């Protein structure tokens, strides 16, 4: 019973104004209302600001995603 937050974007002009926090908190509320026991998301390890936001909002790392690229 888990929910997945897929693709959260905040435009550069709105960053730092609390928009991301409001969107994530709203997603958490909806997940709870739908009976979910958790909310998961994926993000780039190179996106430090997003990681700090998610950690501040209670998220923690739980898995590592790996990929191999093939030359076409």
N, C-alpha and C. Protein backbone atom coordinates (compact mmCIF):
# COMPACT_ATOMS: atom_id res chain seq x y z
N UNK A 1 0.84 -1.18 0.00
CA UNK A 1 0.00 0.00 0.00
C UNK A 1 0.87 1.24 0.00
N UNK A 2 1.42 1.56 -1.13
CA UNK A 2 2.27 2.74 -1.24
C UNK A 2 1.87 3.59 -2.42
N UNK A 3 2.12 4.86 -2.31
CA UNK A 3 1.86 5.80 -3.41
C UNK A 3 3.19 6.26 -3.97
N UNK A 4 3.18 6.71 -5.21
CA UNK A 4 4.39 7.16 -5.89
C UNK A 4 4.17 8.58 -6.40
N UNK A 5 5.08 9.47 -6.04
CA UNK A 5 5.06 10.85 -6.54
C UNK A 5 5.95 10.89 -7.77
N UNK A 6 5.36 11.15 -8.91
CA UNK A 6 6.09 11.09 -10.18
C UNK A 6 6.18 12.49 -10.78
N UNK A 7 7.39 12.95 -10.99
CA UNK A 7 7.67 14.22 -11.67
C UNK A 7 7.09 15.45 -10.96
N UNK A 8 7.89 16.02 -10.14
CA UNK A 8 7.55 17.28 -9.47
C UNK A 8 8.50 18.35 -9.99
N UNK A 9 7.95 19.39 -10.56
CA UNK A 9 8.76 20.48 -11.09
C UNK A 9 8.29 21.80 -10.50
N UNK A 10 9.26 22.62 -10.11
CA UNK A 10 8.98 23.99 -9.67
C UNK A 10 9.81 24.90 -10.57
N UNK A 11 9.16 25.83 -11.23
CA UNK A 11 9.88 26.72 -12.13
C UNK A 11 10.92 27.53 -11.36
N UNK A 12 11.97 27.93 -12.04
CA UNK A 12 13.07 28.64 -11.38
C UNK A 12 12.58 29.91 -10.68
N UNK A 13 11.60 30.58 -11.25
CA UNK A 13 11.09 31.79 -10.63
C UNK A 13 10.33 31.56 -9.34
N UNK A 14 9.86 30.34 -9.13
CA UNK A 14 9.09 30.03 -7.93
C UNK A 14 9.91 29.28 -6.88
N UNK A 15 11.13 28.89 -7.24
CA UNK A 15 11.97 28.16 -6.29
C UNK A 15 12.34 29.04 -5.10
N UNK A 16 12.35 28.45 -3.94
CA UNK A 16 12.68 29.18 -2.72
C UNK A 16 11.50 29.88 -2.08
N UNK A 17 10.32 29.74 -2.68
CA UNK A 17 9.13 30.41 -2.15
C UNK A 17 8.20 29.45 -1.40
N UNK A 18 8.62 28.19 -1.23
CA UNK A 18 7.79 27.23 -0.50
C UNK A 18 6.84 26.44 -1.37
N UNK A 19 6.89 26.66 -2.68
CA UNK A 19 5.97 25.97 -3.59
C UNK A 19 6.22 24.46 -3.55
N UNK A 20 7.48 24.04 -3.59
CA UNK A 20 7.81 22.62 -3.56
C UNK A 20 7.29 21.96 -2.30
N UNK A 21 7.48 22.62 -1.18
CA UNK A 21 6.99 22.07 0.10
C UNK A 21 5.48 21.91 0.08
N UNK A 22 4.78 22.90 -0.43
CA UNK A 22 3.32 22.82 -0.50
C UNK A 22 2.87 21.67 -1.40
N UNK A 23 3.54 21.51 -2.55
CA UNK A 23 3.17 20.43 -3.46
C UNK A 23 3.41 19.06 -2.83
N UNK A 24 4.56 18.89 -2.19
CA UNK A 24 4.87 17.61 -1.57
C UNK A 24 3.92 17.32 -0.41
N UNK A 25 3.66 18.30 0.42
CA UNK A 25 2.74 18.09 1.54
C UNK A 25 1.34 17.74 1.03
N UNK A 26 0.93 18.37 -0.06
CA UNK A 26 -0.37 18.03 -0.65
C UNK A 26 -0.38 16.60 -1.16
N UNK A 27 0.72 16.17 -1.79
CA UNK A 27 0.82 14.79 -2.27
C UNK A 27 0.78 13.81 -1.10
N UNK A 28 1.43 14.15 0.00
CA UNK A 28 1.40 13.30 1.19
C UNK A 28 -0.03 13.20 1.72
N UNK A 29 -0.74 14.32 1.76
CA UNK A 29 -2.13 14.31 2.23
C UNK A 29 -3.01 13.42 1.36
N UNK A 30 -2.88 13.55 0.04
CA UNK A 30 -3.69 12.74 -0.87
C UNK A 30 -3.35 11.26 -0.72
N UNK A 31 -2.07 10.94 -0.59
CA UNK A 31 -1.67 9.54 -0.41
C UNK A 31 -2.32 8.96 0.85
N UNK A 32 -2.30 9.72 1.93
CA UNK A 32 -2.94 9.26 3.18
C UNK A 32 -4.44 9.06 2.98
N UNK A 33 -5.08 10.04 2.32
CA UNK A 33 -6.53 9.96 2.08
C UNK A 33 -6.89 8.73 1.26
N UNK A 34 -6.00 8.31 0.38
CA UNK A 34 -6.24 7.14 -0.46
C UNK A 34 -5.89 5.83 0.24
N UNK A 35 -5.45 5.93 1.49
CA UNK A 35 -5.16 4.74 2.27
C UNK A 35 -3.74 4.24 2.14
N UNK A 36 -2.86 5.04 1.59
CA UNK A 36 -1.48 4.61 1.42
C UNK A 36 -0.73 4.66 2.74
N UNK A 37 0.19 3.72 2.91
CA UNK A 37 1.03 3.68 4.11
C UNK A 37 2.33 4.45 3.90
N UNK A 38 2.61 4.84 2.65
CA UNK A 38 3.85 5.56 2.36
C UNK A 38 3.74 6.31 1.05
N UNK A 39 4.68 7.22 0.84
CA UNK A 39 4.81 7.95 -0.41
C UNK A 39 6.26 7.85 -0.84
N UNK A 40 6.47 7.39 -2.07
CA UNK A 40 7.83 7.23 -2.58
C UNK A 40 8.03 8.15 -3.78
N UNK A 41 9.28 8.43 -4.08
CA UNK A 41 9.62 9.20 -5.26
C UNK A 41 11.04 8.85 -5.69
N UNK A 42 11.37 9.19 -6.90
CA UNK A 42 12.72 9.03 -7.41
C UNK A 42 13.28 10.39 -7.77
N UNK A 43 14.59 10.53 -7.67
CA UNK A 43 15.21 11.81 -8.01
C UNK A 43 16.65 11.59 -8.42
N UNK A 44 17.19 12.54 -9.10
CA UNK A 44 18.59 12.47 -9.51
C UNK A 44 19.48 12.73 -8.30
N UNK A 45 20.54 11.95 -8.14
CA UNK A 45 21.46 12.20 -7.02
C UNK A 45 22.22 13.50 -7.19
N UNK A 46 22.15 14.10 -8.37
CA UNK A 46 22.85 15.35 -8.65
C UNK A 46 21.99 16.57 -8.33
N UNK A 47 20.74 16.36 -7.89
CA UNK A 47 19.83 17.46 -7.59
C UNK A 47 19.82 17.73 -6.09
N UNK A 48 20.86 18.41 -5.63
CA UNK A 48 21.01 18.69 -4.21
C UNK A 48 19.86 19.45 -3.59
N UNK A 49 19.37 20.52 -4.23
CA UNK A 49 18.25 21.26 -3.64
C UNK A 49 17.01 20.40 -3.43
N UNK A 50 16.70 19.54 -4.41
CA UNK A 50 15.53 18.66 -4.26
C UNK A 50 15.75 17.67 -3.13
N UNK A 51 16.95 17.12 -3.05
CA UNK A 51 17.23 16.15 -1.98
C UNK A 51 17.07 16.80 -0.61
N UNK A 52 17.58 18.00 -0.46
CA UNK A 52 17.44 18.71 0.83
C UNK A 52 15.97 18.96 1.15
N UNK A 53 15.20 19.34 0.14
CA UNK A 53 13.77 19.56 0.35
C UNK A 53 13.10 18.28 0.82
N UNK A 54 13.32 17.19 0.10
CA UNK A 54 12.66 15.93 0.45
C UNK A 54 13.09 15.43 1.82
N UNK A 55 14.35 15.54 2.14
CA UNK A 55 14.81 15.11 3.46
C UNK A 55 14.20 15.98 4.56
N UNK A 56 14.09 17.28 4.32
CA UNK A 56 13.47 18.18 5.30
C UNK A 56 12.00 17.81 5.54
N UNK A 57 11.37 17.23 4.49
CA UNK A 57 9.96 16.85 4.59
C UNK A 57 9.76 15.41 5.04
N UNK A 58 10.84 14.77 5.51
CA UNK A 58 10.72 13.46 6.12
C UNK A 58 11.08 12.27 5.24
N UNK A 59 11.47 12.50 4.00
CA UNK A 59 11.85 11.39 3.13
C UNK A 59 13.24 10.90 3.50
N UNK A 60 13.48 9.62 3.25
CA UNK A 60 14.80 9.03 3.48
C UNK A 60 15.11 8.08 2.33
N UNK A 61 16.39 7.88 2.07
CA UNK A 61 16.81 6.97 1.00
C UNK A 61 16.48 5.54 1.39
N UNK A 62 15.92 4.78 0.44
CA UNK A 62 15.58 3.39 0.72
C UNK A 62 16.11 2.42 -0.31
N UNK A 63 16.50 2.90 -1.48
CA UNK A 63 17.02 2.00 -2.51
C UNK A 63 17.91 2.76 -3.47
N UNK A 64 18.66 2.02 -4.24
CA UNK A 64 19.51 2.60 -5.27
C UNK A 64 19.01 2.10 -6.61
N UNK A 65 18.79 3.00 -7.53
CA UNK A 65 18.38 2.64 -8.89
C UNK A 65 19.64 2.61 -9.75
N UNK A 66 19.77 1.61 -10.58
CA UNK A 66 20.95 1.50 -11.43
C UNK A 66 20.53 1.28 -12.88
N UNK A 67 21.38 1.74 -13.80
CA UNK A 67 21.08 1.61 -15.23
C UNK A 67 22.38 1.48 -15.99
N UNK A 68 22.34 0.78 -17.10
CA UNK A 68 23.46 0.71 -18.02
C UNK A 68 22.99 1.29 -19.35
N UNK A 69 23.83 2.10 -19.98
CA UNK A 69 23.51 2.70 -21.27
C UNK A 69 24.10 1.85 -22.38
N UNK A 70 23.36 1.67 -23.47
CA UNK A 70 23.83 0.96 -24.65
C UNK A 70 24.04 1.95 -25.78
N UNK A 71 25.10 1.80 -26.51
CA UNK A 71 25.32 2.63 -27.68
C UNK A 71 24.40 2.17 -28.80
N UNK A 72 23.74 3.10 -29.46
CA UNK A 72 22.80 2.75 -30.53
C UNK A 72 23.53 2.43 -31.81
